[in-house]
Amino acid sequence: MIRFAANEDLTRVNELRKQVNDLHIAHLPHVFKAGFVQEIADVAHAYMQQEDTELVVCERDGAILGFAMLRYKSIPESVYRLPMQFIEVSEFGVDTACHRQGVGHELMTWIKRYAAERGISRVELNMWSFNEGALAFYEQEGFATYRRYMEWNAEDNNG
């Protein structure tokens, strides 16, 4: 069952967010700060309070196994771009013990349906390139790369 999160879900949601955070720290310690501090935990609570955000969870047999943090985005028309409205999946996670059990698929199916019910035809997300498992999952869910960020780092290239 996918549902909007309640305050009593935040402890479990933050346990799952910590799993995702730890994965990022393990692969990119030069980017992400070690630890899951209170300010990070508080972001989940803020998502439940803001007008343009939602926090949803996947629950099975009374246990929360996955979550998604959604943000409604509206980009105004500019001299370069047409206006856009979409839902951004700003955070997404499934308990590592439950990978490949359909939890992520249930969440993504719900998110796409939720967007469509609101007349929004676009869902966006971003991910870090080290996470090949996430990339394979998102592609399986119908997401495609339309923009790529690249870097040159002097520390990686001996100056």
N, C-alpha and C. Protein backbone atom coordinates (compact mmCIF):
# COMPACT_ATOMS: atom_id res chain seq x y z
N MET A 1 0.84 -1.18 0.00
CA MET A 1 0.00 0.00 0.00
C MET A 1 0.89 1.24 0.00
N ILE A 2 0.57 2.16 -0.89
CA ILE A 2 1.27 3.45 -0.93
C ILE A 2 0.33 4.47 -0.30
N ARG A 3 0.88 5.30 0.58
CA ARG A 3 0.09 6.32 1.26
C ARG A 3 0.98 7.50 1.61
N PHE A 4 0.32 8.61 1.94
CA PHE A 4 1.06 9.76 2.43
C PHE A 4 1.57 9.44 3.83
N ALA A 5 2.76 9.90 4.13
CA ALA A 5 3.37 9.62 5.42
C ALA A 5 2.68 10.42 6.52
N ALA A 6 2.69 9.86 7.71
CA ALA A 6 2.19 10.53 8.92
C ALA A 6 3.39 10.80 9.83
N ASN A 7 3.21 11.68 10.79
CA ASN A 7 4.30 12.03 11.70
C ASN A 7 4.92 10.79 12.35
N GLU A 8 4.08 9.82 12.70
CA GLU A 8 4.61 8.63 13.36
C GLU A 8 5.45 7.75 12.43
N ASP A 9 5.46 8.04 11.14
CA ASP A 9 6.28 7.30 10.17
C ASP A 9 7.70 7.84 10.05
N LEU A 10 7.94 9.03 10.59
CA LEU A 10 9.19 9.73 10.31
C LEU A 10 10.43 8.99 10.82
N THR A 11 10.33 8.32 11.95
CA THR A 11 11.50 7.59 12.45
C THR A 11 11.91 6.52 11.44
N ARG A 12 10.94 5.75 10.95
CA ARG A 12 11.25 4.70 9.98
C ARG A 12 11.71 5.29 8.64
N VAL A 13 11.04 6.34 8.19
CA VAL A 13 11.45 6.98 6.94
C VAL A 13 12.90 7.44 7.05
N ASN A 14 13.28 8.01 8.17
CA ASN A 14 14.65 8.47 8.34
C ASN A 14 15.64 7.32 8.45
N GLU A 15 15.21 6.17 8.94
CA GLU A 15 16.09 4.98 8.90
C GLU A 15 16.39 4.61 7.45
N LEU A 16 15.37 4.67 6.59
CA LEU A 16 15.57 4.37 5.18
C LEU A 16 16.40 5.45 4.49
N ARG A 17 16.15 6.70 4.83
CA ARG A 17 16.93 7.81 4.27
C ARG A 17 18.39 7.68 4.68
N LYS A 18 18.65 7.20 5.89
CA LYS A 18 20.02 6.99 6.34
C LYS A 18 20.71 5.92 5.50
N GLN A 19 19.99 4.86 5.13
CA GLN A 19 20.57 3.84 4.25
C GLN A 19 21.04 4.47 2.94
N VAL A 20 20.20 5.33 2.36
CA VAL A 20 20.54 6.00 1.11
C VAL A 20 21.72 6.94 1.34
N ASN A 21 21.68 7.69 2.42
CA ASN A 21 22.75 8.63 2.75
C ASN A 21 24.08 7.90 2.93
N ASP A 22 24.05 6.78 3.64
CA ASP A 22 25.27 6.00 3.86
C ASP A 22 25.85 5.49 2.54
N LEU A 23 24.99 5.10 1.62
CA LEU A 23 25.45 4.65 0.30
C LEU A 23 26.18 5.78 -0.42
N HIS A 24 25.61 6.97 -0.37
CA HIS A 24 26.25 8.12 -1.02
C HIS A 24 27.59 8.45 -0.37
N ILE A 25 27.64 8.40 0.95
CA ILE A 25 28.90 8.68 1.66
C ILE A 25 29.96 7.64 1.29
N ALA A 26 29.57 6.38 1.23
CA ALA A 26 30.53 5.31 0.91
C ALA A 26 31.14 5.49 -0.47
N HIS A 27 30.36 5.96 -1.43
CA HIS A 27 30.85 6.10 -2.79
C HIS A 27 31.43 7.47 -3.11
N LEU A 28 30.98 8.48 -2.40
CA LEU A 28 31.43 9.84 -2.68
C LEU A 28 31.77 10.59 -1.39
N PRO A 29 32.77 10.08 -0.65
CA PRO A 29 33.11 10.73 0.62
C PRO A 29 33.68 12.14 0.45
N HIS A 30 34.12 12.46 -0.75
CA HIS A 30 34.62 13.81 -1.02
C HIS A 30 33.48 14.79 -1.33
N VAL A 31 32.26 14.29 -1.42
CA VAL A 31 31.09 15.12 -1.71
C VAL A 31 30.17 15.21 -0.50
N PHE A 32 29.88 14.06 0.11
CA PHE A 32 28.88 14.00 1.17
C PHE A 32 29.52 13.96 2.54
N LYS A 33 28.92 14.68 3.48
CA LYS A 33 29.38 14.70 4.86
C LYS A 33 28.99 13.40 5.54
N ALA A 34 29.90 12.89 6.34
CA ALA A 34 29.63 11.66 7.09
C ALA A 34 28.58 11.93 8.15
N GLY A 35 27.76 10.92 8.41
CA GLY A 35 26.77 11.02 9.48
C GLY A 35 25.41 11.43 8.97
N PHE A 36 24.42 11.12 9.76
CA PHE A 36 23.04 11.49 9.46
C PHE A 36 22.57 12.36 10.61
N VAL A 37 22.83 13.65 10.48
CA VAL A 37 22.58 14.59 11.57
C VAL A 37 21.11 14.99 11.64
N GLN A 38 20.73 15.63 12.72
CA GLN A 38 19.33 16.00 12.94
C GLN A 38 18.79 16.89 11.82
N GLU A 39 19.62 17.78 11.30
CA GLU A 39 19.16 18.66 10.22
C GLU A 39 18.73 17.87 9.00
N ILE A 40 19.41 16.76 8.73
CA ILE A 40 19.01 15.90 7.61
C ILE A 40 17.68 15.23 7.93
N ALA A 41 17.57 14.72 9.15
CA ALA A 41 16.32 14.07 9.57
C ALA A 41 15.15 15.04 9.48
N ASP A 42 15.38 16.29 9.81
CA ASP A 42 14.31 17.29 9.82
C ASP A 42 13.75 17.58 8.43
N VAL A 43 14.50 17.28 7.39
CA VAL A 43 14.03 17.52 6.02
C VAL A 43 12.75 16.73 5.76
N ALA A 44 12.68 15.51 6.26
CA ALA A 44 11.47 14.69 6.05
C ALA A 44 10.25 15.36 6.69
N HIS A 45 10.42 15.89 7.87
CA HIS A 45 9.31 16.58 8.53
C HIS A 45 8.90 17.80 7.72
N ALA A 46 9.86 18.54 7.21
CA ALA A 46 9.56 19.73 6.42
C ALA A 46 8.76 19.37 5.17
N TYR A 47 9.07 18.22 4.57
CA TYR A 47 8.33 17.80 3.38
C TYR A 47 6.84 17.60 3.67
N MET A 48 6.52 17.22 4.88
CA MET A 48 5.13 17.01 5.23
C MET A 48 4.41 18.33 5.51
N GLN A 49 5.15 19.40 5.74
CA GLN A 49 4.57 20.68 6.12
C GLN A 49 4.43 21.65 4.95
N GLN A 50 5.26 21.50 3.93
CA GLN A 50 5.28 22.48 2.85
C GLN A 50 4.15 22.24 1.86
N GLU A 51 3.74 23.30 1.23
CA GLU A 51 2.63 23.26 0.29
C GLU A 51 2.98 22.53 -1.00
N ASP A 52 4.23 22.60 -1.44
CA ASP A 52 4.61 22.05 -2.75
C ASP A 52 5.37 20.74 -2.65
N THR A 53 5.28 20.04 -1.52
CA THR A 53 6.00 18.79 -1.35
C THR A 53 5.09 17.73 -0.74
N GLU A 54 5.45 16.48 -0.97
CA GLU A 54 4.74 15.33 -0.40
C GLU A 54 5.77 14.28 0.01
N LEU A 55 5.45 13.56 1.04
CA LEU A 55 6.25 12.41 1.48
C LEU A 55 5.32 11.21 1.47
N VAL A 56 5.67 10.21 0.67
CA VAL A 56 4.84 9.01 0.57
C VAL A 56 5.65 7.80 0.98
N VAL A 57 4.95 6.78 1.46
CA VAL A 57 5.61 5.56 1.90
C VAL A 57 4.93 4.35 1.29
N CYS A 58 5.69 3.28 1.17
CA CYS A 58 5.17 1.98 0.77
C CYS A 58 5.15 1.12 2.02
N GLU A 59 3.97 0.66 2.38
CA GLU A 59 3.79 -0.13 3.59
C GLU A 59 3.27 -1.52 3.22
N ARG A 60 3.88 -2.53 3.82
CA ARG A 60 3.41 -3.91 3.65
C ARG A 60 3.37 -4.56 5.04
N ASP A 61 2.25 -5.16 5.34
CA ASP A 61 2.08 -5.85 6.63
C ASP A 61 2.48 -4.97 7.81
N GLY A 62 2.13 -3.69 7.73
CA GLY A 62 2.40 -2.76 8.82
C GLY A 62 3.82 -2.22 8.88
N ALA A 63 4.67 -2.62 7.95
CA ALA A 63 6.06 -2.16 7.95
C ALA A 63 6.31 -1.24 6.75
N ILE A 64 6.97 -0.12 6.99
CA ILE A 64 7.34 0.80 5.91
C ILE A 64 8.63 0.29 5.28
N LEU A 65 8.55 -0.01 3.98
CA LEU A 65 9.68 -0.60 3.26
C LEU A 65 10.31 0.35 2.26
N GLY A 66 9.64 1.44 1.94
CA GLY A 66 10.18 2.39 0.98
C GLY A 66 9.52 3.74 1.14
N PHE A 67 10.11 4.75 0.54
CA PHE A 67 9.60 6.11 0.63
C PHE A 67 9.97 6.89 -0.62
N ALA A 68 9.25 7.97 -0.84
CA ALA A 68 9.60 8.92 -1.90
C ALA A 68 9.25 10.31 -1.41
N MET A 69 10.14 11.25 -1.67
CA MET A 69 9.90 12.65 -1.36
C MET A 69 9.69 13.36 -2.69
N LEU A 70 8.52 13.99 -2.82
CA LEU A 70 8.11 14.59 -4.08
C LEU A 70 7.99 16.10 -3.93
N ARG A 71 8.39 16.79 -4.98
CA ARG A 71 8.27 18.25 -5.00
C ARG A 71 7.63 18.66 -6.32
N TYR A 72 6.59 19.50 -6.23
CA TYR A 72 5.97 20.06 -7.42
C TYR A 72 6.86 21.19 -7.92
N LYS A 73 7.19 21.16 -9.20
CA LYS A 73 8.06 22.19 -9.77
C LYS A 73 7.34 22.88 -10.93
N SER A 74 7.53 24.16 -11.01
CA SER A 74 6.99 24.95 -12.10
C SER A 74 8.09 25.87 -12.60
N ILE A 75 8.49 25.69 -13.82
CA ILE A 75 9.54 26.50 -14.43
C ILE A 75 8.86 27.47 -15.39
N PRO A 76 8.99 28.77 -15.16
CA PRO A 76 8.32 29.72 -16.05
C PRO A 76 9.01 29.78 -17.42
N GLU A 77 8.26 30.25 -18.36
CA GLU A 77 8.81 30.45 -19.70
C GLU A 77 9.93 31.48 -19.62
N SER A 78 10.94 31.28 -20.44
CA SER A 78 12.04 32.24 -20.52
C SER A 78 12.37 32.44 -21.99
N VAL A 79 13.33 33.26 -22.23
CA VAL A 79 13.77 33.48 -23.61
C VAL A 79 14.33 32.18 -24.21
N TYR A 80 14.78 31.25 -23.35
CA TYR A 80 15.38 30.00 -23.81
C TYR A 80 14.43 28.81 -23.78
N ARG A 81 13.50 28.82 -22.83
CA ARG A 81 12.72 27.60 -22.57
C ARG A 81 11.22 27.87 -22.58
N LEU A 82 10.52 26.81 -22.87
CA LEU A 82 9.08 26.81 -22.70
C LEU A 82 8.78 26.56 -21.22
N PRO A 83 7.60 26.94 -20.76
CA PRO A 83 7.27 26.67 -19.35
C PRO A 83 7.11 25.17 -19.13
N MET A 84 7.40 24.73 -17.92
CA MET A 84 7.29 23.31 -17.59
C MET A 84 6.69 23.15 -16.20
N GLN A 85 5.89 22.12 -16.05
CA GLN A 85 5.42 21.70 -14.74
C GLN A 85 5.73 20.22 -14.62
N PHE A 86 6.25 19.83 -13.46
CA PHE A 86 6.55 18.43 -13.26
C PHE A 86 6.63 18.12 -11.78
N ILE A 87 6.67 16.85 -11.49
CA ILE A 87 6.94 16.40 -10.13
C ILE A 87 8.36 15.89 -10.10
N GLU A 88 9.12 16.40 -9.16
CA GLU A 88 10.50 15.95 -8.98
C GLU A 88 10.53 14.95 -7.82
N VAL A 89 11.11 13.80 -8.08
CA VAL A 89 11.37 12.83 -7.02
C VAL A 89 12.71 13.25 -6.43
N SER A 90 12.67 13.96 -5.31
CA SER A 90 13.91 14.52 -4.76
C SER A 90 14.67 13.50 -3.91
N GLU A 91 13.96 12.57 -3.31
CA GLU A 91 14.60 11.46 -2.59
C GLU A 91 13.73 10.23 -2.80
N PHE A 92 14.40 9.08 -2.87
CA PHE A 92 13.70 7.83 -3.11
C PHE A 92 14.54 6.73 -2.46
N GLY A 93 13.89 5.83 -1.76
CA GLY A 93 14.65 4.74 -1.16
C GLY A 93 13.78 3.56 -0.80
N VAL A 94 14.39 2.40 -0.89
CA VAL A 94 13.76 1.14 -0.51
C VAL A 94 14.72 0.44 0.44
N ASP A 95 14.18 -0.12 1.50
CA ASP A 95 15.00 -0.85 2.46
C ASP A 95 15.89 -1.84 1.71
N THR A 96 17.18 -1.83 2.01
CA THR A 96 18.11 -2.71 1.30
C THR A 96 17.72 -4.19 1.43
N ALA A 97 17.06 -4.56 2.51
CA ALA A 97 16.61 -5.94 2.68
C ALA A 97 15.44 -6.29 1.76
N CYS A 98 14.87 -5.28 1.11
CA CYS A 98 13.68 -5.50 0.28
C CYS A 98 13.90 -5.20 -1.19
N HIS A 99 15.16 -4.99 -1.59
CA HIS A 99 15.42 -4.72 -3.00
C HIS A 99 14.94 -5.90 -3.84
N ARG A 100 14.46 -5.56 -5.02
CA ARG A 100 13.98 -6.54 -6.01
C ARG A 100 12.76 -7.32 -5.54
N GLN A 101 11.94 -6.68 -4.70
CA GLN A 101 10.70 -7.29 -4.24
C GLN A 101 9.48 -6.48 -4.65
N GLY A 102 9.65 -5.55 -5.57
CA GLY A 102 8.52 -4.80 -6.10
C GLY A 102 8.17 -3.53 -5.36
N VAL A 103 8.87 -3.22 -4.29
CA VAL A 103 8.55 -2.02 -3.49
C VAL A 103 8.79 -0.76 -4.32
N GLY A 104 9.94 -0.66 -4.94
CA GLY A 104 10.25 0.50 -5.76
C GLY A 104 9.28 0.65 -6.92
N HIS A 105 8.93 -0.46 -7.54
CA HIS A 105 7.98 -0.43 -8.66
C HIS A 105 6.62 0.08 -8.18
N GLU A 106 6.16 -0.39 -7.03
CA GLU A 106 4.89 0.09 -6.48
C GLU A 106 4.92 1.60 -6.26
N LEU A 107 6.01 2.09 -5.68
CA LEU A 107 6.15 3.53 -5.45
C LEU A 107 6.13 4.31 -6.76
N MET A 108 6.90 3.87 -7.73
CA MET A 108 6.97 4.59 -9.01
C MET A 108 5.64 4.54 -9.75
N THR A 109 4.96 3.41 -9.71
CA THR A 109 3.65 3.32 -10.35
C THR A 109 2.69 4.31 -9.71
N TRP A 110 2.70 4.40 -8.40
CA TRP A 110 1.83 5.33 -7.68
C TRP A 110 2.19 6.78 -8.03
N ILE A 111 3.49 7.09 -8.05
CA ILE A 111 3.94 8.46 -8.35
C ILE A 111 3.47 8.88 -9.75
N LYS A 112 3.63 8.02 -10.73
CA LYS A 112 3.23 8.35 -12.10
C LYS A 112 1.71 8.54 -12.19
N ARG A 113 0.97 7.69 -11.53
CA ARG A 113 -0.49 7.81 -11.52
C ARG A 113 -0.91 9.10 -10.79
N TYR A 114 -0.28 9.38 -9.67
CA TYR A 114 -0.56 10.59 -8.89
C TYR A 114 -0.32 11.84 -9.74
N ALA A 115 0.79 11.86 -10.46
CA ALA A 115 1.08 13.00 -11.34
C ALA A 115 0.00 13.13 -12.42
N ALA A 116 -0.32 12.03 -13.06
CA ALA A 116 -1.31 12.06 -14.14
C ALA A 116 -2.66 12.55 -13.62
N GLU A 117 -3.06 12.13 -12.44
CA GLU A 117 -4.34 12.56 -11.86
C GLU A 117 -4.37 14.06 -11.63
N ARG A 118 -3.22 14.68 -11.51
CA ARG A 118 -3.13 16.12 -11.31
C ARG A 118 -2.83 16.88 -12.60
N GLY A 119 -2.90 16.17 -13.71
CA GLY A 119 -2.65 16.80 -15.00
C GLY A 119 -1.19 17.08 -15.27
N ILE A 120 -0.32 16.40 -14.57
CA ILE A 120 1.12 16.58 -14.75
C ILE A 120 1.66 15.38 -15.50
N SER A 121 2.25 15.63 -16.65
CA SER A 121 2.68 14.52 -17.50
C SER A 121 4.16 14.18 -17.36
N ARG A 122 4.85 14.88 -16.50
CA ARG A 122 6.30 14.69 -16.40
C ARG A 122 6.70 14.45 -14.95
N VAL A 123 7.53 13.44 -14.75
CA VAL A 123 8.15 13.16 -13.46
C VAL A 123 9.65 13.14 -13.70
N GLU A 124 10.40 13.88 -12.89
CA GLU A 124 11.85 13.94 -13.04
C GLU A 124 12.53 13.48 -11.76
N LEU A 125 13.75 13.03 -11.91
CA LEU A 125 14.61 12.71 -10.77
C LEU A 125 16.05 12.83 -11.23
N ASN A 126 16.94 12.87 -10.27
CA ASN A 126 18.36 12.82 -10.62
C ASN A 126 19.02 11.78 -9.72
N MET A 127 20.15 11.32 -10.15
CA MET A 127 20.86 10.29 -9.40
C MET A 127 22.36 10.46 -9.65
N TRP A 128 23.15 9.84 -8.80
CA TRP A 128 24.60 9.89 -8.94
C TRP A 128 25.05 8.74 -9.82
N SER A 129 26.03 9.00 -10.66
CA SER A 129 26.43 8.03 -11.69
C SER A 129 27.00 6.73 -11.14
N PHE A 130 27.51 6.72 -9.92
CA PHE A 130 28.05 5.47 -9.37
C PHE A 130 26.96 4.42 -9.15
N ASN A 131 25.72 4.85 -9.02
CA ASN A 131 24.64 3.97 -8.60
C ASN A 131 24.01 3.27 -9.80
N GLU A 132 24.72 2.29 -10.32
CA GLU A 132 24.27 1.58 -11.52
C GLU A 132 22.99 0.79 -11.27
N GLY A 133 22.80 0.31 -10.05
CA GLY A 133 21.57 -0.40 -9.73
C GLY A 133 20.35 0.50 -9.82
N ALA A 134 20.50 1.73 -9.31
CA ALA A 134 19.41 2.69 -9.40
C ALA A 134 19.14 3.06 -10.85
N LEU A 135 20.19 3.25 -11.63
CA LEU A 135 20.02 3.58 -13.04
C LEU A 135 19.23 2.49 -13.75
N ALA A 136 19.61 1.24 -13.54
CA ALA A 136 18.89 0.12 -14.18
C ALA A 136 17.43 0.11 -13.74
N PHE A 137 17.17 0.35 -12.46
CA PHE A 137 15.80 0.39 -11.96
C PHE A 137 15.01 1.50 -12.63
N TYR A 138 15.55 2.72 -12.64
CA TYR A 138 14.82 3.85 -13.20
C TYR A 138 14.56 3.64 -14.70
N GLU A 139 15.54 3.11 -15.42
CA GLU A 139 15.32 2.83 -16.83
C GLU A 139 14.23 1.79 -17.02
N GLN A 140 14.21 0.78 -16.17
CA GLN A 140 13.16 -0.24 -16.24
C GLN A 140 11.79 0.39 -15.98
N GLU A 141 11.75 1.44 -15.17
CA GLU A 141 10.51 2.14 -14.87
C GLU A 141 10.12 3.15 -15.95
N GLY A 142 10.92 3.24 -17.01
CA GLY A 142 10.58 4.12 -18.13
C GLY A 142 11.26 5.47 -18.13
N PHE A 143 12.15 5.73 -17.18
CA PHE A 143 12.87 7.00 -17.15
C PHE A 143 14.02 6.95 -18.17
N ALA A 144 14.30 8.09 -18.77
CA ALA A 144 15.38 8.18 -19.74
C ALA A 144 16.23 9.42 -19.43
N THR A 145 17.51 9.32 -19.69
CA THR A 145 18.41 10.45 -19.48
C THR A 145 18.14 11.49 -20.56
N TYR A 146 17.91 12.74 -20.13
CA TYR A 146 17.72 13.82 -21.09
C TYR A 146 18.73 14.95 -20.86
N ARG A 147 19.46 14.88 -19.78
CA ARG A 147 20.46 15.89 -19.47
C ARG A 147 21.53 15.23 -18.64
N ARG A 148 22.76 15.65 -18.81
CA ARG A 148 23.86 15.03 -18.09
C ARG A 148 24.76 16.10 -17.49
N TYR A 149 25.14 15.94 -16.24
CA TYR A 149 26.10 16.82 -15.60
C TYR A 149 27.46 16.11 -15.63
N MET A 150 28.50 16.87 -15.95
CA MET A 150 29.84 16.30 -15.99
C MET A 150 30.77 17.21 -15.21
N GLU A 151 31.90 16.66 -14.81
CA GLU A 151 32.87 17.48 -14.08
C GLU A 151 34.28 17.16 -14.52
N TRP A 152 35.13 18.13 -14.34
CA TRP A 152 36.56 17.95 -14.41
C TRP A 152 37.07 18.36 -13.05
N ASN A 153 37.90 17.52 -12.45
CA ASN A 153 38.39 17.79 -11.11
C ASN A 153 39.90 17.69 -11.13
N ALA A 154 40.56 18.78 -10.80
CA ALA A 154 42.03 18.82 -10.80
C ALA A 154 42.61 17.75 -9.91
N GLU A 155 41.98 17.45 -8.79
CA GLU A 155 42.49 16.42 -7.88
C GLU A 155 42.47 15.04 -8.52
N ASP A 156 41.53 14.81 -9.41
CA ASP A 156 41.46 13.52 -10.11
C ASP A 156 42.37 13.44 -11.32
N ASN A 157 42.86 14.60 -11.76
CA ASN A 157 43.62 14.66 -13.00
C ASN A 157 45.05 15.18 -12.79
N ASN A 158 45.54 15.07 -11.57
CA ASN A 158 46.91 15.51 -11.25
C ASN A 158 47.18 16.93 -11.70
N GLY A 159 46.23 17.83 -11.41
CA GLY A 159 46.42 19.24 -11.71
C GLY A 159 46.10 19.54 -13.10
